[in-house]
Amino acid sequence: MHPEDEAQVIALYHAILDAWDCRSAKDFAACFSDRGSIVGFDGSQVDGLREIAGHLAPIFADHPTPAYVSKIREVRALATGAAMLRAVVGMVPAGHTDINAALNSIQTLIATKQAGSWQAEMLQTTPAAFHGRPEAVEELTAELRGGTAGVVMTRRHGSRPPLRPQPRAPS
């Protein structure tokens, strides 16, 4: 994958998380193609740009949604003009300063380049429950809190300042 395309896919992902943290359904949906889809933490499936905005607007209006902390694990080309980004995320509830481990998730973003710009086609969020493996939950939470070498980026989103960048994993 060309480094410029990789940087644009990462910027797209950050824009999605920033829109969530700013509780902007409009900005969140604007990151998606007209036929884009999301699968939320709770399993909600939403298809289409307008539907995504319509689904998120009441959530943002009625709930103090937690803020994301993310670590990108991989960005790779799937084909010309198509990419996948994999990340782990934690969430810091409103009024708190630490991650709620019960909200840790794995995210996968599929993006396509259309008319020179990258758009999200699918954002899947899967709870990182690690059933029967509490040590895996603790490890992921510690990684999100403090940083582990070998990840692409550690970042808080929205109005919070970025956390320190981490070195990229050797190829």
Protein backbone atom coordinates (compact mmCIF):
# COMPACT_ATOMS: atom_id res chain seq x y z
CA MET A 1 0.00 0.00 0.00
CA HIS A 2 1.31 3.42 -0.92
CA PRO A 3 2.27 5.39 2.24
CA GLU A 4 0.01 8.29 1.23
CA ASP A 5 -2.99 5.96 0.92
CA GLU A 6 -2.15 4.36 4.26
CA ALA A 7 -2.01 7.78 5.90
CA GLN A 8 -5.37 8.72 4.37
CA VAL A 9 -7.02 5.50 5.60
CA ILE A 10 -5.66 6.17 9.10
CA ALA A 11 -6.95 9.77 8.89
CA LEU A 12 -10.37 8.44 7.85
CA TYR A 13 -10.44 6.10 10.84
CA HIS A 14 -9.44 8.90 13.19
CA ALA A 15 -12.15 11.13 11.69
CA ILE A 16 -14.74 8.45 12.46
CA LEU A 17 -13.61 8.13 16.08
CA ASP A 18 -13.29 11.91 16.46
CA ALA A 19 -16.87 12.32 15.21
CA TRP A 20 -18.02 9.74 17.78
CA ASP A 21 -16.18 11.52 20.57
CA CYS A 22 -17.66 14.87 19.49
CA ARG A 23 -21.09 13.17 19.35
CA SER A 24 -21.65 14.27 15.76
CA ALA A 25 -23.86 11.80 13.89
CA LYS A 26 -23.56 13.97 10.77
CA ASP A 27 -19.74 13.98 10.81
CA PHE A 28 -19.61 10.27 11.64
CA ALA A 29 -21.89 9.37 8.73
CA ALA A 30 -20.03 11.74 6.37
CA CYS A 31 -17.02 9.40 6.59
CA PHE A 32 -19.02 6.63 4.89
CA SER A 33 -19.98 5.97 1.29
CA ASP A 34 -23.68 6.15 0.41
CA ARG A 35 -23.86 2.38 0.86
CA GLY A 36 -21.61 2.25 3.94
CA SER A 37 -22.48 0.05 6.91
CA ILE A 38 -21.74 -0.24 10.59
CA VAL A 39 -22.05 -3.07 13.06
CA GLY A 40 -22.08 -1.60 16.53
CA PHE A 41 -20.78 -2.91 19.85
CA ASP A 42 -24.27 -4.22 20.67
CA GLY A 43 -24.66 -5.96 17.31
CA SER A 44 -26.80 -3.26 15.71
CA GLN A 45 -26.49 -3.36 11.93
CA VAL A 46 -27.05 -0.12 10.07
CA ASP A 47 -26.77 0.28 6.30
CA GLY A 48 -26.57 3.54 4.39
CA LEU A 49 -25.23 7.00 5.05
CA ARG A 50 -28.57 8.53 6.07
CA GLU A 51 -29.46 5.54 8.21
CA ILE A 52 -26.12 5.71 10.05
CA ALA A 53 -26.70 9.39 10.87
CA GLY A 54 -30.30 8.65 11.89
CA HIS A 55 -29.26 5.75 14.10
CA LEU A 56 -26.55 7.70 15.93
CA ALA A 57 -28.32 11.05 16.37
CA PRO A 58 -30.62 9.91 19.23
CA ILE A 59 -27.80 7.97 20.87
CA PHE A 60 -25.61 11.08 20.94
CA ALA A 61 -28.54 13.28 22.03
CA ASP A 62 -29.64 11.03 24.90
CA HIS A 63 -26.44 9.39 26.19
CA PRO A 64 -23.04 10.68 27.33
CA THR A 65 -21.16 8.28 25.05
CA PRO A 66 -17.68 7.24 26.19
CA ALA A 67 -14.60 8.56 24.37
CA TYR A 68 -12.33 6.30 22.34
CA VAL A 69 -8.69 5.40 22.91
CA SER A 70 -7.38 3.45 19.93
CA LYS A 71 -4.40 1.49 18.72
CA ILE A 72 -4.13 0.67 15.07
CA ARG A 73 -2.72 -2.80 14.58
CA GLU A 74 -2.66 -3.03 10.80
CA VAL A 75 -3.47 -1.18 7.61
CA ARG A 76 -3.24 -3.11 4.37
CA ALA A 77 -4.41 -2.98 0.79
CA LEU A 78 -7.05 -5.53 -0.16
CA ALA A 79 -7.02 -4.55 -3.84
CA THR A 80 -6.44 -1.39 -5.82
CA GLY A 81 -8.53 1.27 -4.12
CA ALA A 82 -9.60 -0.97 -1.22
CA ALA A 83 -8.04 -1.22 2.24
CA MET A 84 -8.59 -2.80 5.63
CA LEU A 85 -7.63 -1.25 8.95
CA ARG A 86 -7.65 -3.31 12.16
CA ALA A 87 -7.55 -1.66 15.57
CA VAL A 88 -8.21 -2.24 19.23
CA VAL A 89 -10.15 0.35 21.17
CA GLY A 90 -10.97 1.17 24.73
CA MET A 91 -13.52 3.67 25.96
CA VAL A 92 -13.33 6.24 28.75
CA PRO A 93 -16.80 7.01 30.12
CA ALA A 94 -17.83 10.64 30.55
CA GLY A 95 -16.62 11.99 33.88
CA HIS A 96 -13.92 9.32 34.22
CA THR A 97 -10.21 9.27 33.45
CA ASP A 98 -9.67 5.55 32.90
CA ILE A 99 -10.76 2.96 30.38
CA ASN A 100 -13.77 0.79 31.19
CA ALA A 101 -12.41 -2.66 30.27
CA ALA A 102 -15.95 -3.98 29.70
CA LEU A 103 -16.12 -1.69 26.65
CA ASN A 104 -12.86 -2.81 25.00
CA SER A 105 -13.42 -3.78 21.39
CA ILE A 106 -11.79 -4.92 18.19
CA GLN A 107 -12.60 -2.75 15.18
CA THR A 108 -12.26 -3.47 11.49
CA LEU A 109 -12.65 -0.74 8.90
CA ILE A 110 -13.04 -1.51 5.20
CA ALA A 111 -12.48 1.57 3.05
CA THR A 112 -12.52 2.29 -0.67
CA LYS A 113 -10.96 5.09 -2.65
CA GLN A 114 -13.55 6.83 -4.80
CA ALA A 115 -12.83 9.90 -6.90
CA GLY A 116 -9.49 10.31 -5.12
CA SER A 117 -10.75 10.14 -1.55
CA TRP A 118 -11.13 7.32 0.95
CA GLN A 119 -14.57 6.47 2.34
CA ALA A 120 -15.66 3.88 4.86
CA GLU A 121 -17.65 0.96 3.52
CA MET A 122 -17.88 -1.01 6.78
CA LEU A 123 -16.95 -0.41 10.39
CA GLN A 124 -17.39 -3.50 12.52
CA THR A 125 -17.01 -3.24 16.29
CA THR A 126 -16.75 -6.51 18.21
CA PRO A 127 -16.61 -6.61 22.00
CA ALA A 128 -13.24 -7.89 23.26
CA ALA A 129 -14.88 -9.97 25.98
CA PHE A 130 -12.36 -12.83 25.84
CA HIS A 131 -14.82 -15.12 27.65
CA GLY A 132 -13.08 -17.23 30.26
CA ARG A 133 -9.79 -15.37 29.78
CA PRO A 134 -9.73 -12.44 32.22
CA GLU A 135 -5.96 -12.12 31.76
CA ALA A 136 -6.54 -11.27 28.06
CA VAL A 137 -8.94 -8.48 29.07
CA GLU A 138 -6.34 -7.16 31.53
CA GLU A 139 -3.56 -7.33 28.92
CA LEU A 140 -5.57 -5.41 26.34
CA THR A 141 -6.62 -2.80 28.88
CA ALA A 142 -3.01 -2.33 30.02
CA GLU A 143 -1.90 -2.03 26.40
CA LEU A 144 -4.52 0.63 25.71
CA ARG A 145 -3.63 2.50 28.89
CA GLY A 146 0.09 2.61 28.50
CA GLY A 147 1.30 1.61 25.13
CA THR A 148 3.05 -1.45 23.89
CA ALA A 149 5.80 -1.23 21.29
CA GLY A 150 4.91 -2.57 17.88
CA VAL A 151 1.63 -0.78 17.22
CA VAL A 152 1.07 1.90 14.62
CA MET A 153 -0.55 4.56 16.83
CA THR A 154 -1.98 5.16 20.26
CA ARG A 155 -4.44 8.00 20.24
CA ARG A 156 -7.20 9.60 22.23
CA HIS A 157 -9.83 11.12 19.99
CA GLY A 158 -12.11 14.12 19.97
CA SER A 159 -10.99 17.15 21.92
CA ARG A 160 -8.44 15.22 23.92
CA PRO A 161 -4.75 15.55 23.02
CA PRO A 162 -3.16 12.58 21.24
CA LEU A 163 -1.29 10.05 23.33
CA ARG A 164 2.26 9.30 22.34
CA PRO A 165 2.88 7.67 18.94
CA GLN A 166 4.30 4.18 19.11
CA PRO A 167 6.89 2.66 16.78
CA ARG A 168 5.54 0.65 13.93
CA ALA A 169 5.91 -3.13 14.09
CA PRO A 170 8.85 -4.43 12.06
CA SER A 171 7.80 -6.05 8.79
